[in-house]
Protein backbone atom coordinates (compact mmCIF):
# COMPACT_ATOMS: atom_id res chain seq x y z
CA MET A 1 34.32 107.29 117.61
CA ARG A 2 30.87 108.86 117.43
CA ALA A 3 32.14 112.24 118.57
CA VAL A 4 30.47 115.45 117.43
CA LEU A 5 32.41 116.80 114.48
CA GLY A 6 32.53 120.54 114.06
CA PRO A 7 33.71 122.49 111.00
CA VAL A 8 36.46 120.87 108.90
CA LEU A 9 38.39 122.59 106.12
CA HIS A 10 40.11 120.97 103.16
CA ALA A 11 43.44 122.72 102.78
CA ARG A 12 46.28 122.41 100.30
CA TYR A 13 48.27 119.93 102.42
CA GLY A 14 45.62 118.23 104.56
CA VAL A 15 42.61 119.12 106.65
CA ASP A 16 42.04 121.72 109.33
CA VAL A 17 39.72 120.74 112.16
CA LEU A 18 38.49 123.66 114.23
CA VAL A 19 38.70 123.18 118.01
CA PRO A 20 38.24 125.63 120.89
CA THR A 21 41.12 128.08 121.29
CA GLY A 22 43.93 126.72 123.46
CA SER A 23 42.46 123.24 123.79
CA ALA A 24 44.95 121.48 121.49
CA ALA A 25 48.12 122.97 122.90
CA VAL A 26 49.41 119.55 124.03
CA PHE A 27 48.94 117.73 120.70
CA ASP A 28 52.11 115.71 120.22
CA LEU A 29 51.10 113.39 117.40
CA PRO A 30 53.18 113.13 114.23
CA GLY A 31 51.78 115.06 111.29
CA ALA A 32 49.55 117.23 113.47
CA ALA A 33 50.10 120.98 113.65
CA VAL A 34 48.45 123.42 116.00
CA LEU A 35 48.25 127.17 115.49
CA GLY A 36 49.82 129.17 118.28
CA ALA A 37 48.57 132.25 120.06
CA GLY A 38 48.07 135.14 117.66
CA GLU A 39 48.07 132.98 114.52
CA THR A 40 45.07 133.02 112.22
CA VAL A 41 43.50 130.75 109.65
CA GLU A 42 41.72 132.03 106.58
CA VAL A 43 38.36 130.39 105.98
CA PRO A 44 36.10 130.56 102.95
CA HIS A 45 32.44 131.51 103.05
CA PRO A 46 30.31 128.63 104.44
CA SER A 47 28.84 128.07 100.97
CA VAL A 48 32.25 127.07 99.54
CA ILE A 49 31.98 123.30 99.90
CA ALA A 50 34.30 120.69 98.35
CA PRO A 51 35.00 120.18 95.49
CA HIS A 52 34.71 123.96 94.95
CA THR A 53 37.55 126.00 96.46
CA CYS A 54 38.50 129.54 97.38
CA HIS A 55 42.27 130.13 97.69
CA ALA A 56 42.82 126.33 97.81
CA ARG A 57 40.39 125.90 100.73
CA SER A 58 36.89 124.50 100.97
CA TRP A 59 34.64 123.12 103.66
CA ILE A 60 34.37 119.36 104.07
CA VAL A 61 32.07 119.94 107.04
CA PRO A 62 30.78 123.51 106.78
CA PRO A 63 30.06 125.57 109.89
CA ARG A 64 26.50 125.30 111.11
CA ASP A 65 24.71 127.49 113.62
CA LEU A 66 23.81 124.57 115.91
CA ARG A 67 27.09 122.64 115.66
CA GLY A 68 29.94 123.59 117.93
CA LEU A 69 33.63 123.08 117.45
CA THR A 70 35.23 119.64 117.60
CA ASP A 71 36.29 118.57 121.10
CA SER A 72 40.10 118.46 121.04
CA ALA A 73 40.29 115.37 123.31
CA ASP A 74 37.96 113.49 120.93
CA LEU A 75 40.04 114.61 117.95
CA TYR A 76 43.27 113.54 119.65
CA GLY A 77 41.81 110.09 120.40
CA ALA A 78 40.53 109.61 116.86
CA TYR A 79 43.82 110.77 115.33
CA ALA A 80 45.87 108.50 117.61
CA ALA A 81 43.62 105.53 116.79
CA ALA A 82 43.93 106.21 113.06
CA LEU A 83 47.72 106.41 113.31
CA ALA A 84 47.83 103.15 115.26
CA SER A 85 45.67 101.35 112.72
CA VAL A 86 47.82 102.56 109.81
CA ARG A 87 51.04 101.60 111.56
CA GLY A 88 49.61 98.26 112.65
CA GLY A 89 48.66 97.43 109.07
CA ARG A 90 52.11 98.05 107.62
CA ARG A 91 54.37 95.15 106.86
CA CYS A 92 57.98 95.26 107.88
CA PRO A 93 60.49 94.76 105.09
CA ARG A 94 62.33 91.46 105.20
């Protein structure tokens, strides 16, 4: 979708995409989880890049000084499009 992608973490059960605080509160897509107010996420040092890990986490896209966080509306659109393409490609059992 050509959106700017901010920091992305590889985690034990998926990926964590960092977005501005409070901007993803309305995410209602299956398989997506959003941290609530007061919750935290542990992140490794920026030099810990996949395939290396620290406590089962590593950066797929490490944080950079000039790169901001991912826009939550862009992430929502990309996630919804990916879900639609996966669902559209499945065959129904006969």
